[in-house]
PDB file of N, CA and C in Angstrom:
ATOM      1  N   MET A   1      41.118 -42.245  10.622  1.00  0.00           N
ATOM      2  CA  MET A   1      40.983 -41.384   9.452  1.00  0.00           C
ATOM      3  C   MET A   1      41.326 -42.411   8.209  1.00  0.00           C
ATOM      4  N   ALA A   2      41.880 -43.319   8.280  1.00  0.00           N
ATOM      5  CA  ALA A   2      42.623 -44.253   7.676  1.00  0.00           C
ATOM      6  C   ALA A   2      41.885 -44.946   7.004  1.00  0.00           C
ATOM      7  N   GLN A   3      40.765 -45.651   7.900  1.00  0.00           N
ATOM      8  CA  GLN A   3      39.925 -46.443   7.707  1.00  0.00           C
ATOM      9  C   GLN A   3      38.946 -45.986   7.495  1.00  0.00           C
ATOM     10  N   VAL A   4      37.830 -44.934   7.171  1.00  0.00           N
ATOM     11  CA  VAL A   4      37.185 -43.958   6.326  1.00  0.00           C
ATOM     12  C   VAL A   4      37.530 -44.193   5.340  1.00  0.00           C
ATOM     13  N   ILE A   5      38.774 -43.712   4.576  1.00  0.00           N
ATOM     14  CA  ILE A   5      39.189 -43.760   3.566  1.00  0.00           C
ATOM     15  C   ILE A   5      39.606 -44.440   2.653  1.00  0.00           C
ATOM     16  N   ALA A   6      39.497 -46.055   3.821  1.00  0.00           N
ATOM     17  CA  ALA A   6      40.337 -46.973   2.929  1.00  0.00           C
ATOM     18  C   ALA A   6      38.832 -47.592   2.208  1.00  0.00           C
ATOM     19  N   LYS A   7      37.868 -47.281   3.650  1.00  0.00           N
ATOM     20  CA  LYS A   7      35.823 -47.578   2.821  1.00  0.00           C
ATOM     21  C   LYS A   7      35.922 -46.970   1.885  1.00  0.00           C
ATOM     22  N   HIS A   8      36.288 -45.979   1.994  1.00  0.00           N
ATOM     23  CA  HIS A   8      35.533 -45.069   0.485  1.00  0.00           C
ATOM     24  C   HIS A   8      36.435 -45.602  -0.793  1.00  0.00           C
ATOM     25  N   TYR A   9      37.234 -45.802  -0.806  1.00  0.00           N
ATOM     26  CA  TYR A   9      38.100 -46.318  -1.934  1.00  0.00           C
ATOM     27  C   TYR A   9      38.039 -48.240  -2.159  1.00  0.00           C
ATOM     28  N   ASP A  10      37.340 -48.637  -0.991  1.00  0.00           N
ATOM     29  CA  ASP A  10      36.617 -50.187  -1.611  1.00  0.00           C
ATOM     30  C   ASP A  10      35.366 -50.095  -1.711  1.00  0.00           C
ATOM     31  N   ILE A  11      34.380 -48.630  -1.629  1.00  0.00           N
ATOM     32  CA  ILE A  11      33.279 -48.680  -2.341  1.00  0.00           C
ATOM     33  C   ILE A  11      33.247 -47.953  -4.221  1.00  0.00           C
ATOM     34  N   ILE A  12      34.046 -47.353  -4.595  1.00  0.00           N
ATOM     35  CA  ILE A  12      34.686 -47.189  -5.592  1.00  0.00           C
ATOM     36  C   ILE A  12      35.868 -47.567  -6.144  1.00  0.00           C
ATOM     37  N   LYS A  13      35.071 -48.574  -7.146  1.00  0.00           N
ATOM     38  CA  LYS A  13      36.558 -49.486  -7.898  1.00  0.00           C
ATOM     39  C   LYS A  13      37.016 -48.346  -9.412  1.00  0.00           C
ATOM     40  N   ARG A  14      36.440 -47.653  -9.877  1.00  0.00           N
ATOM     41  CA  ARG A  14      36.865 -48.104 -11.364  1.00  0.00           C
ATOM     42  C   ARG A  14      35.722 -46.761 -12.434  1.00  0.00           C
ATOM     43  N   PRO A  15      36.807 -45.518 -12.903  1.00  0.00           N
ATOM     44  CA  PRO A  15      35.757 -44.934 -13.254  1.00  0.00           C
ATOM     45  C   PRO A  15      35.373 -45.548 -14.546  1.00  0.00           C
ATOM     46  N   ILE A  16      34.333 -45.401 -15.145  1.00  0.00           N
ATOM     47  CA  ILE A  16      34.073 -45.957 -16.402  1.00  0.00           C
ATOM     48  C   ILE A  16      33.963 -44.928 -17.437  1.00  0.00           C
ATOM     49  N   ILE A  17      34.898 -45.200 -18.058  1.00  0.00           N
ATOM     50  CA  ILE A  17      35.209 -44.229 -19.483  1.00  0.00           C
ATOM     51  C   ILE A  17      34.960 -44.844 -21.052  1.00  0.00           C
ATOM     52  N   THR A  18      33.918 -44.333 -21.222  1.00  0.00           N
ATOM     53  CA  THR A  18      33.515 -44.785 -22.758  1.00  0.00           C
ATOM     54  C   THR A  18      32.769 -43.732 -23.551  1.00  0.00           C
ATOM     55  N   GLU A  19      32.573 -44.056 -24.658  1.00  0.00           N
ATOM     56  CA  GLU A  19      32.250 -42.989 -25.700  1.00  0.00           C
ATOM     57  C   GLU A  19      30.358 -41.835 -24.267  1.00  0.00           C
ATOM     58  N   LYS A  20      29.814 -42.734 -24.033  1.00  0.00           N
ATOM     59  CA  LYS A  20      28.676 -42.223 -24.270  1.00  0.00           C
ATOM     60  C   LYS A  20      28.664 -42.094 -23.177  1.00  0.00           C
ATOM     61  N   SER A  21      29.604 -42.223 -21.358  1.00  0.00           N
ATOM     62  CA  SER A  21      29.704 -41.808 -20.328  1.00  0.00           C
ATOM     63  C   SER A  21      30.852 -40.060 -20.447  1.00  0.00           C
ATOM     64  N   MET A  22      31.478 -40.391 -21.808  1.00  0.00           N
ATOM     65  CA  MET A  22      31.925 -38.867 -21.860  1.00  0.00           C
ATOM     66  C   MET A  22      31.279 -37.914 -22.429  1.00  0.00           C
ATOM     67  N   SER A  23      30.204 -38.383 -23.030  1.00  0.00           N
ATOM     68  CA  SER A  23      29.249 -37.688 -23.638  1.00  0.00           C
ATOM     69  C   SER A  23      27.991 -36.828 -22.458  1.00  0.00           C
ATOM     70  N   LEU A  24      28.399 -38.290 -21.826  1.00  0.00           N
ATOM     71  CA  LEU A  24      27.067 -37.775 -20.745  1.00  0.00           C
ATOM     72  C   LEU A  24      27.814 -36.773 -19.672  1.00  0.00           C
ATOM     73  N   LYS A  25      29.484 -36.959 -19.303  1.00  0.00           N
ATOM     74  CA  LYS A  25      30.357 -35.969 -18.907  1.00  0.00           C
ATOM     75  C   LYS A  25      30.251 -34.384 -19.341  1.00  0.00           C
ATOM     76  N   GLU A  26      29.933 -34.340 -20.477  1.00  0.00           N
ATOM     77  CA  GLU A  26      30.404 -33.329 -21.079  1.00  0.00           C
ATOM     78  C   GLU A  26      28.558 -32.480 -21.140  1.00  0.00           C
ATOM     79  N   GLN A  27      27.837 -32.958 -21.991  1.00  0.00           N
ATOM     80  CA  GLN A  27      26.466 -32.741 -21.847  1.00  0.00           C
ATOM     81  C   GLN A  27      25.877 -32.284 -20.238  1.00  0.00           C
ATOM     82  N   SER A  28      26.087 -33.374 -18.687  1.00  0.00           N
ATOM     83  CA  SER A  28      25.317 -32.960 -17.872  1.00  0.00           C
ATOM     84  C   SER A  28      26.061 -32.912 -16.909  1.00  0.00           C
ATOM     85  N   ASN A  29      27.295 -32.487 -16.319  1.00  0.00           N
ATOM     86  CA  ASN A  29      28.236 -33.104 -15.433  1.00  0.00           C
ATOM     87  C   ASN A  29      27.955 -34.404 -14.682  1.00  0.00           C
ATOM     88  N   LYS A  30      27.824 -35.379 -15.481  1.00  0.00           N
ATOM     89  CA  LYS A  30      27.579 -36.563 -14.519  1.00  0.00           C
ATOM     90  C   LYS A  30      28.713 -37.712 -14.858  1.00  0.00           C
ATOM     91  N   TYR A  31      29.149 -38.491 -13.719  1.00  0.00           N
ATOM     92  CA  TYR A  31      30.448 -39.232 -13.951  1.00  0.00           C
ATOM     93  C   TYR A  31      29.556 -40.700 -13.799  1.00  0.00           C
ATOM     94  N   THR A  32      30.619 -41.427 -14.558  1.00  0.00           N
ATOM     95  CA  THR A  32      30.505 -42.853 -13.924  1.00  0.00           C
ATOM     96  C   THR A  32      31.532 -43.907 -13.634  1.00  0.00           C
ATOM     97  N   PHE A  33      31.075 -45.136 -12.588  1.00  0.00           N
ATOM     98  CA  PHE A  33      31.443 -44.966 -11.982  1.00  0.00           C
ATOM     99  C   PHE A  33      31.672 -46.704 -11.429  1.00  0.00           C
ATOM    100  N   ALA A  34      32.504 -47.849 -11.942  1.00  0.00           N
ATOM    101  CA  ALA A  34      31.650 -49.199 -11.195  1.00  0.00           C
ATOM    102  C   ALA A  34      32.135 -49.282  -9.889  1.00  0.00           C
ATOM    103  N   VAL A  35      31.291 -49.944  -9.409  1.00  0.00           N
ATOM    104  CA  VAL A  35      31.216 -49.565  -7.269  1.00  0.00           C
ATOM    105  C   VAL A  35      31.299 -50.918  -6.831  1.00  0.00           C
ATOM    106  N   ASP A  36      31.248 -51.173  -5.353  1.00  0.00           N
ATOM    107  CA  ASP A  36      30.565 -52.312  -5.310  1.00  0.00           C
ATOM    108  C   ASP A  36      29.369 -53.076  -4.819  1.00  0.00           C
ATOM    109  N   PRO A  37      29.154 -54.007  -5.525  1.00  0.00           N
ATOM    110  CA  PRO A  37      27.728 -54.670  -5.212  1.00  0.00           C
ATOM    111  C   PRO A  37      26.515 -54.420  -3.968  1.00  0.00           C
ATOM    112  N   LYS A  38      27.245 -54.352  -3.312  1.00  0.00           N
ATOM    113  CA  LYS A  38      26.410 -53.924  -1.722  1.00  0.00           C
ATOM    114  C   LYS A  38      26.252 -52.617  -1.710  1.00  0.00           C
ATOM    115  N   ALA A  39      27.075 -51.467  -2.149  1.00  0.00           N
ATOM    116  CA  ALA A  39      26.986 -50.370  -1.642  1.00  0.00           C
ATOM    117  C   ALA A  39      25.587 -49.383  -2.277  1.00  0.00           C
ATOM    118  N   ASN A  40      24.790 -49.007  -1.427  1.00  0.00           N
ATOM    119  CA  ASN A  40      23.522 -48.225  -2.074  1.00  0.00           C
ATOM    120  C   ASN A  40      24.200 -46.551  -1.869  1.00  0.00           C
ATOM    121  N   LYS A  41      23.735 -45.704  -2.854  1.00  0.00           N
ATOM    122  CA  LYS A  41      23.493 -44.348  -2.873  1.00  0.00           C
ATOM    123  C   LYS A  41      23.969 -43.424  -1.727  1.00  0.00           C
ATOM    124  N   ILE A  42      23.661 -43.575  -0.808  1.00  0.00           N
ATOM    125  CA  ILE A  42      24.338 -42.246  -0.208  1.00  0.00           C
ATOM    126  C   ILE A  42      25.883 -43.405   0.312  1.00  0.00           C
ATOM    127  N   GLU A  43      26.460 -44.508   0.306  1.00  0.00           N
ATOM    128  CA  GLU A  43      27.164 -44.061   0.606  1.00  0.00           C
ATOM    129  C   GLU A  43      28.532 -44.045  -0.445  1.00  0.00           C
ATOM    130  N   ILE A  44      28.011 -44.186  -1.629  1.00  0.00           N
ATOM    131  CA  ILE A  44      28.036 -44.034  -2.864  1.00  0.00           C
ATOM    132  C   ILE A  44      28.499 -41.914  -2.863  1.00  0.00           C
ATOM    133  N   LYS A  45      27.893 -41.464  -2.575  1.00  0.00           N
ATOM    134  CA  LYS A  45      28.158 -40.200  -2.724  1.00  0.00           C
ATOM    135  C   LYS A  45      28.653 -39.726  -1.515  1.00  0.00           C
ATOM    136  N   GLU A  46      29.023 -40.379  -0.596  1.00  0.00           N
ATOM    137  CA  GLU A  46      29.925 -39.808   0.340  1.00  0.00           C
ATOM    138  C   GLU A  46      31.342 -40.496   0.221  1.00  0.00           C
ATOM    139  N   ALA A  47      31.880 -41.259  -0.887  1.00  0.00           N
ATOM    140  CA  ALA A  47      32.535 -42.023  -1.411  1.00  0.00           C
ATOM    141  C   ALA A  47      33.222 -41.102  -1.913  1.00  0.00           C
ATOM    142  N   VAL A  48      32.230 -40.607  -3.027  1.00  0.00           N
ATOM    143  CA  VAL A  48      32.566 -39.903  -4.376  1.00  0.00           C
ATOM    144  C   VAL A  48      32.853 -37.668  -3.586  1.00  0.00           C
ATOM    145  N   GLU A  49      32.316 -37.606  -2.695  1.00  0.00           N
ATOM    146  CA  GLU A  49      33.058 -36.037  -2.375  1.00  0.00           C
ATOM    147  C   GLU A  49      33.420 -36.832  -1.817  1.00  0.00           C
ATOM    148  N   ALA A  50      34.398 -37.449  -0.607  1.00  0.00           N
ATOM    149  CA  ALA A  50      35.571 -37.647   0.467  1.00  0.00           C
ATOM    150  C   ALA A  50      36.865 -37.971  -0.484  1.00  0.00           C
ATOM    151  N   ILE A  51      36.621 -38.802  -1.810  1.00  0.00           N
ATOM    152  CA  ILE A  51      37.713 -38.989  -2.446  1.00  0.00           C
ATOM    153  C   ILE A  51      38.253 -37.766  -4.043  1.00  0.00           C
ATOM    154  N   PHE A  52      36.948 -37.282  -4.479  1.00  0.00           N
ATOM    155  CA  PHE A  52      38.090 -36.494  -5.501  1.00  0.00           C
ATOM    156  C   PHE A  52      37.266 -34.656  -4.240  1.00  0.00           C
ATOM    157  N   ASN A  53      36.670 -34.687  -3.244  1.00  0.00           N
ATOM    158  CA  ASN A  53      36.003 -33.706  -3.332  1.00  0.00           C
ATOM    159  C   ASN A  53      35.474 -32.470  -3.705  1.00  0.00           C
ATOM    160  N   VAL A  54      34.538 -33.028  -4.236  1.00  0.00           N
ATOM    161  CA  VAL A  54      33.899 -32.394  -4.723  1.00  0.00           C
ATOM    162  C   VAL A  54      31.974 -32.552  -4.305  1.00  0.00           C
ATOM    163  N   LYS A  55      31.187 -31.425  -4.137  1.00  0.00           N
ATOM    164  CA  LYS A  55      29.508 -31.263  -4.388  1.00  0.00           C
ATOM    165  C   LYS A  55      28.492 -32.517  -5.292  1.00  0.00           C
ATOM    166  N   VAL A  56      28.718 -33.322  -4.521  1.00  0.00           N
ATOM    167  CA  VAL A  56      27.421 -34.147  -5.514  1.00  0.00           C
ATOM    168  C   VAL A  56      25.931 -34.429  -4.987  1.00  0.00           C
ATOM    169  N   LEU A  57      25.714 -34.002  -6.430  1.00  0.00           N
ATOM    170  CA  LEU A  57      23.906 -32.936  -6.278  1.00  0.00           C
ATOM    171  C   LEU A  57      23.184 -34.342  -6.301  1.00  0.00           C
ATOM    172  N   SER A  58      23.120 -35.658  -7.182  1.00  0.00           N
ATOM    173  CA  SER A  58      22.205 -36.844  -7.418  1.00  0.00           C
ATOM    174  C   SER A  58      23.374 -37.998  -7.637  1.00  0.00           C
ATOM    175  N   VAL A  59      22.665 -39.490  -6.801  1.00  0.00           N
ATOM    176  CA  VAL A  59      23.374 -40.650  -7.541  1.00  0.00           C
ATOM    177  C   VAL A  59      22.227 -41.434  -7.919  1.00  0.00           C
ATOM    178  N   ASN A  60      22.244 -42.538  -9.255  1.00  0.00           N
ATOM    179  CA  ASN A  60      21.708 -43.246  -9.900  1.00  0.00           C
ATOM    180  C   ASN A  60      21.868 -44.690 -10.070  1.00  0.00           C
ATOM    181  N   THR A  61      21.604 -46.367  -9.917  1.00  0.00           N
ATOM    182  CA  THR A  61      22.462 -46.958 -10.003  1.00  0.00           C
ATOM    183  C   THR A  61      22.152 -47.411 -11.316  1.00  0.00           C
ATOM    184  N   LEU A  62      22.253 -48.594 -10.763  1.00  0.00           N
ATOM    185  CA  LEU A  62      22.390 -49.736 -12.204  1.00  0.00           C
ATOM    186  C   LEU A  62      22.669 -50.983 -11.814  1.00  0.00           C
ATOM    187  N   ASN A  63      22.454 -52.524 -12.205  1.00  0.00           N
ATOM    188  CA  ASN A  63      22.900 -53.641 -11.992  1.00  0.00           C
ATOM    189  C   ASN A  63      23.357 -54.008 -13.233  1.00  0.00           C
ATOM    190  N   VAL A  64      24.704 -54.284 -13.882  1.00  0.00           N
ATOM    191  CA  VAL A  64      24.583 -54.256 -15.230  1.00  0.00           C
ATOM    192  C   VAL A  64      25.317 -55.712 -14.897  1.00  0.00           C
ATOM    193  N   ALA A  65      24.247 -56.714 -15.973  1.00  0.00           N
ATOM    194  CA  ALA A  65      23.967 -58.372 -15.884  1.00  0.00           C
ATOM    195  C   ALA A  65      25.820 -58.416 -17.165  1.00  0.00           C
ATOM    196  N   GLY A  66      26.374 -59.555 -16.581  1.00  0.00           N
ATOM    197  CA  GLY A  66      27.528 -59.924 -17.945  1.00  0.00           C
ATOM    198  C   GLY A  66      26.593 -60.871 -18.647  1.00  0.00           C
ATOM    199  N   LYS A  67      27.495 -60.445 -19.463  1.00  0.00           N
ATOM    200  CA  LYS A  67      27.535 -61.048 -21.399  1.00  0.00           C
ATOM    201  C   LYS A  67      27.603 -62.657 -21.590  1.00  0.00           C
ATOM    202  N   ALA A  68      26.415 -62.962 -22.255  1.00  0.00           N
ATOM    203  CA  ALA A  68      27.522 -64.779 -22.682  1.00  0.00           C
ATOM    204  C   ALA A  68      28.820 -64.586 -23.688  1.00  0.00           C
ATOM    205  N   LYS A  69      29.365 -65.058 -23.758  1.00  0.00           N
ATOM    206  CA  LYS A  69      30.808 -65.364 -24.680  1.00  0.00           C
ATOM    207  C   LYS A  69      30.795 -66.503 -24.840  1.00  0.00           C
ATOM    208  N   ARG A  70      32.018 -66.264 -25.937  1.00  0.00           N
ATOM    209  CA  ARG A  70      32.300 -67.642 -26.323  1.00  0.00           C
ATOM    210  C   ARG A  70      33.921 -67.457 -27.146  1.00  0.00           C
ATOM    211  N   MET A  71      34.663 -68.925 -27.347  1.00  0.00           N
ATOM    212  CA  MET A  71      35.519 -68.380 -27.385  1.00  0.00           C
ATOM    213  C   MET A  71      35.715 -69.681 -28.337  1.00  0.00           C
ATOM    214  N   GLY A  72      35.456 -69.956 -29.497  1.00  0.00           N
ATOM    215  CA  GLY A  72      35.571 -70.885 -29.870  1.00  0.00           C
ATOM    216  C   GLY A  72      34.469 -72.157 -29.559  1.00  0.00           C
ATOM    217  N   LYS A  73      35.110 -73.524 -28.587  1.00  0.00           N
ATOM    218  CA  LYS A  73      34.002 -74.122 -27.524  1.00  0.00           C
ATOM    219  C   LYS A  73      34.133 -74.060 -26.489  1.00  0.00           C
ATOM    220  N   TYR A  74      34.883 -73.519 -26.189  1.00  0.00           N
ATOM    221  CA  TYR A  74      34.121 -72.353 -24.535  1.00  0.00           C
ATOM    222  C   TYR A  74      33.582 -71.504 -24.607  1.00  0.00           C
ATOM    223  N   GLU A  75      32.319 -71.948 -23.516  1.00  0.00           N
ATOM    224  CA  GLU A  75      31.632 -70.868 -23.179  1.00  0.00           C
ATOM    225  C   GLU A  75      31.412 -69.921 -21.757  1.00  0.00           C
ATOM    226  N   GLY A  76      30.967 -69.156 -21.430  1.00  0.00           N
ATOM    227  CA  GLY A  76      31.229 -68.191 -20.204  1.00  0.00           C
ATOM    228  C   GLY A  76      30.801 -66.626 -20.544  1.00  0.00           C
ATOM    229  N   LYS A  77      31.061 -66.196 -19.019  1.00  0.00           N
ATOM    230  CA  LYS A  77      29.965 -64.853 -19.107  1.00  0.00           C
ATOM    231  C   LYS A  77      31.293 -63.845 -18.983  1.00  0.00           C
ATOM    232  N   THR A  78      31.153 -62.687 -19.100  1.00  0.00           N
ATOM    233  CA  THR A  78      31.696 -61.615 -18.924  1.00  0.00           C
ATOM    234  C   THR A  78      31.196 -61.198 -16.547  1.00  0.00           C
ATOM    235  N   ALA A  79      31.505 -60.168 -16.374  1.00  0.00           N
ATOM    236  CA  ALA A  79      31.287 -60.215 -14.445  1.00  0.00           C
ATOM    237  C   ALA A  79      30.946 -59.255 -15.041  1.00  0.00           C
ATOM    238  N   ALA A  80      29.681 -59.293 -13.962  1.00  0.00           N
ATOM    239  CA  ALA A  80      28.830 -58.125 -13.783  1.00  0.00           C
ATOM    240  C   ALA A  80      28.662 -57.181 -12.471  1.00  0.00           C
ATOM    241  N   TYR A  81      28.403 -56.218 -12.869  1.00  0.00           N
ATOM    242  CA  TYR A  81      28.607 -55.182 -11.816  1.00  0.00           C
ATOM    243  C   TYR A  81      28.005 -54.198 -11.959  1.00  0.00           C
ATOM    244  N   LYS A  82      28.216 -53.405 -10.613  1.00  0.00           N
ATOM    245  CA  LYS A  82      27.496 -52.196 -10.336  1.00  0.00           C
ATOM    246  C   LYS A  82      27.689 -51.212 -10.812  1.00  0.00           C
ATOM    247  N   LYS A  83      27.233 -50.174 -11.357  1.00  0.00           N
ATOM    248  CA  LYS A  83      27.233 -48.887 -12.080  1.00  0.00           C
ATOM    249  C   LYS A  83      26.594 -47.891 -11.463  1.00  0.00           C
ATOM    250  N   ALA A  84      27.455 -46.645 -11.124  1.00  0.00           N
ATOM    251  CA  ALA A  84      26.672 -45.550 -10.308  1.00  0.00           C
ATOM    252  C   ALA A  84      27.008 -44.202 -11.369  1.00  0.00           C
ATOM    253  N   ILE A  85      26.206 -43.522 -11.560  1.00  0.00           N
ATOM    254  CA  ILE A  85      26.125 -42.351 -12.344  1.00  0.00           C
ATOM    255  C   ILE A  85      25.998 -40.938 -11.419  1.00  0.00           C
ATOM    256  N   VAL A  86      26.606 -40.323 -11.136  1.00  0.00           N
ATOM    257  CA  VAL A  86      26.874 -39.519 -10.144  1.00  0.00           C
ATOM    258  C   VAL A  86      27.184 -37.992 -11.018  1.00  0.00           C
ATOM    259  N   GLU A  87      25.877 -37.150 -10.402  1.00  0.00           N
ATOM    260  CA  GLU A  87      25.524 -36.158 -11.059  1.00  0.00           C
ATOM    261  C   GLU A  87      26.577 -34.943  -9.826  1.00  0.00           C
ATOM    262  N   LEU A  88      27.633 -33.786 -10.419  1.00  0.00           N
ATOM    263  CA  LEU A  88      27.867 -33.194  -9.562  1.00  0.00           C
ATOM    264  C   LEU A  88      27.545 -31.903  -9.628  1.00  0.00           C
ATOM    265  N   ALA A  89      27.696 -30.863  -8.683  1.00  0.00           N
ATOM    266  CA  ALA A  89      27.521 -29.487  -8.904  1.00  0.00           C
ATOM    267  C   ALA A  89      28.132 -28.799  -9.929  1.00  0.00           C
ATOM    268  N   GLU A  90      27.353 -27.474 -10.411  1.00  0.00           N
ATOM    269  CA  GLU A  90      27.626 -26.864 -11.290  1.00  0.00           C
ATOM    270  C   GLU A  90      28.938 -26.495 -11.273  1.00  0.00           C
ATOM    271  N   GLY A  91      29.890 -26.253 -12.620  1.00  0.00           N
ATOM    272  CA  GLY A  91      31.212 -26.374 -12.259  1.00  0.00           C
ATOM    273  C   GLY A  91      32.672 -26.705 -11.640  1.00  0.00           C
ATOM    274  N   GLN A  92      32.305 -28.201 -10.804  1.00  0.00           N
ATOM    275  CA  GLN A  92      33.116 -29.276 -10.560  1.00  0.00           C
ATOM    276  C   GLN A  92      33.291 -30.002 -11.984  1.00  0.00           C
ATOM    277  N   THR A  93      34.342 -30.526 -11.201  1.00  0.00           N
ATOM    278  CA  THR A  93      34.986 -31.882 -12.309  1.00  0.00           C
ATOM    279  C   THR A  93      35.515 -32.746 -11.413  1.00  0.00           C
ATOM    280  N   ILE A  94      35.835 -33.759 -12.070  1.00  0.00           N
ATOM    281  CA  ILE A  94      36.562 -34.906 -11.688  1.00  0.00           C
ATOM    282  C   ILE A  94      38.137 -35.067 -12.554  1.00  0.00           C
ATOM    283  N   ALA A  95      38.877 -34.763 -12.446  1.00  0.00           N
ATOM    284  CA  ALA A  95      40.447 -34.984 -12.796  1.00  0.00           C
ATOM    285  C   ALA A  95      40.773 -36.562 -13.430  1.00  0.00           C
ATOM    286  N   ALA A  96      40.030 -37.402 -12.872  1.00  0.00           N
ATOM    287  CA  ALA A  96      40.515 -38.577 -13.657  1.00  0.00           C
ATOM    288  C   ALA A  96      40.143 -39.120 -14.754  1.00  0.00           C
ATOM    289  N   PHE A  97      38.557 -37.719 -15.102  1.00  0.00           N
ATOM    290  CA  PHE A  97      38.221 -38.152 -16.840  1.00  0.00           C
ATOM    291  C   PHE A  97      39.052 -37.224 -17.850  1.00  0.00           C
ATOM    292  N   ASN A  98      38.932 -36.458 -17.419  1.00  0.00           N
ATOM    293  CA  ASN A  98      39.849 -35.959 -18.123  1.00  0.00           C
ATOM    294  C   ASN A  98      41.619 -36.339 -18.898  1.00  0.00           C
ATOM    295  N   ILE A  99      40.833 -36.711 -20.204  1.00  0.00           N
ATOM    296  CA  ILE A  99      41.934 -37.131 -21.050  1.00  0.00           C
ATOM    297  C   ILE A  99      42.090 -37.033 -22.979  1.00  0.00           C
ATOM    298  N   GLU A 100      43.557 -36.532 -22.669  1.00  0.00           N
ATOM    299  CA  GLU A 100      43.927 -36.260 -24.027  1.00  0.00           C
ATOM    300  C   GLU A 100      44.921 -36.392 -24.287  1.00  0.00           C
TER     301      GLU A 100
END
């Protein structure tokens, strides 16, 4: 059981809390997470359901490319990551997104 839970926490990296993700949460009960780039939609669904004890209706994923950044004469890129937008069943919420 401990390996299963550790695996779920390896898939879900962190919640993404921005103005756009908060409006998605309020309008259509969709939550946004940064996830492991190798994870597929089925694994993401199982992880969210196991960690937060909710019913997931759908999962949409996208790869976010790193942006080019400059600091004076130094150039670099921000890290690329995979984002998952998870739709929950009506009436269910995730407490990690409740910011007050």
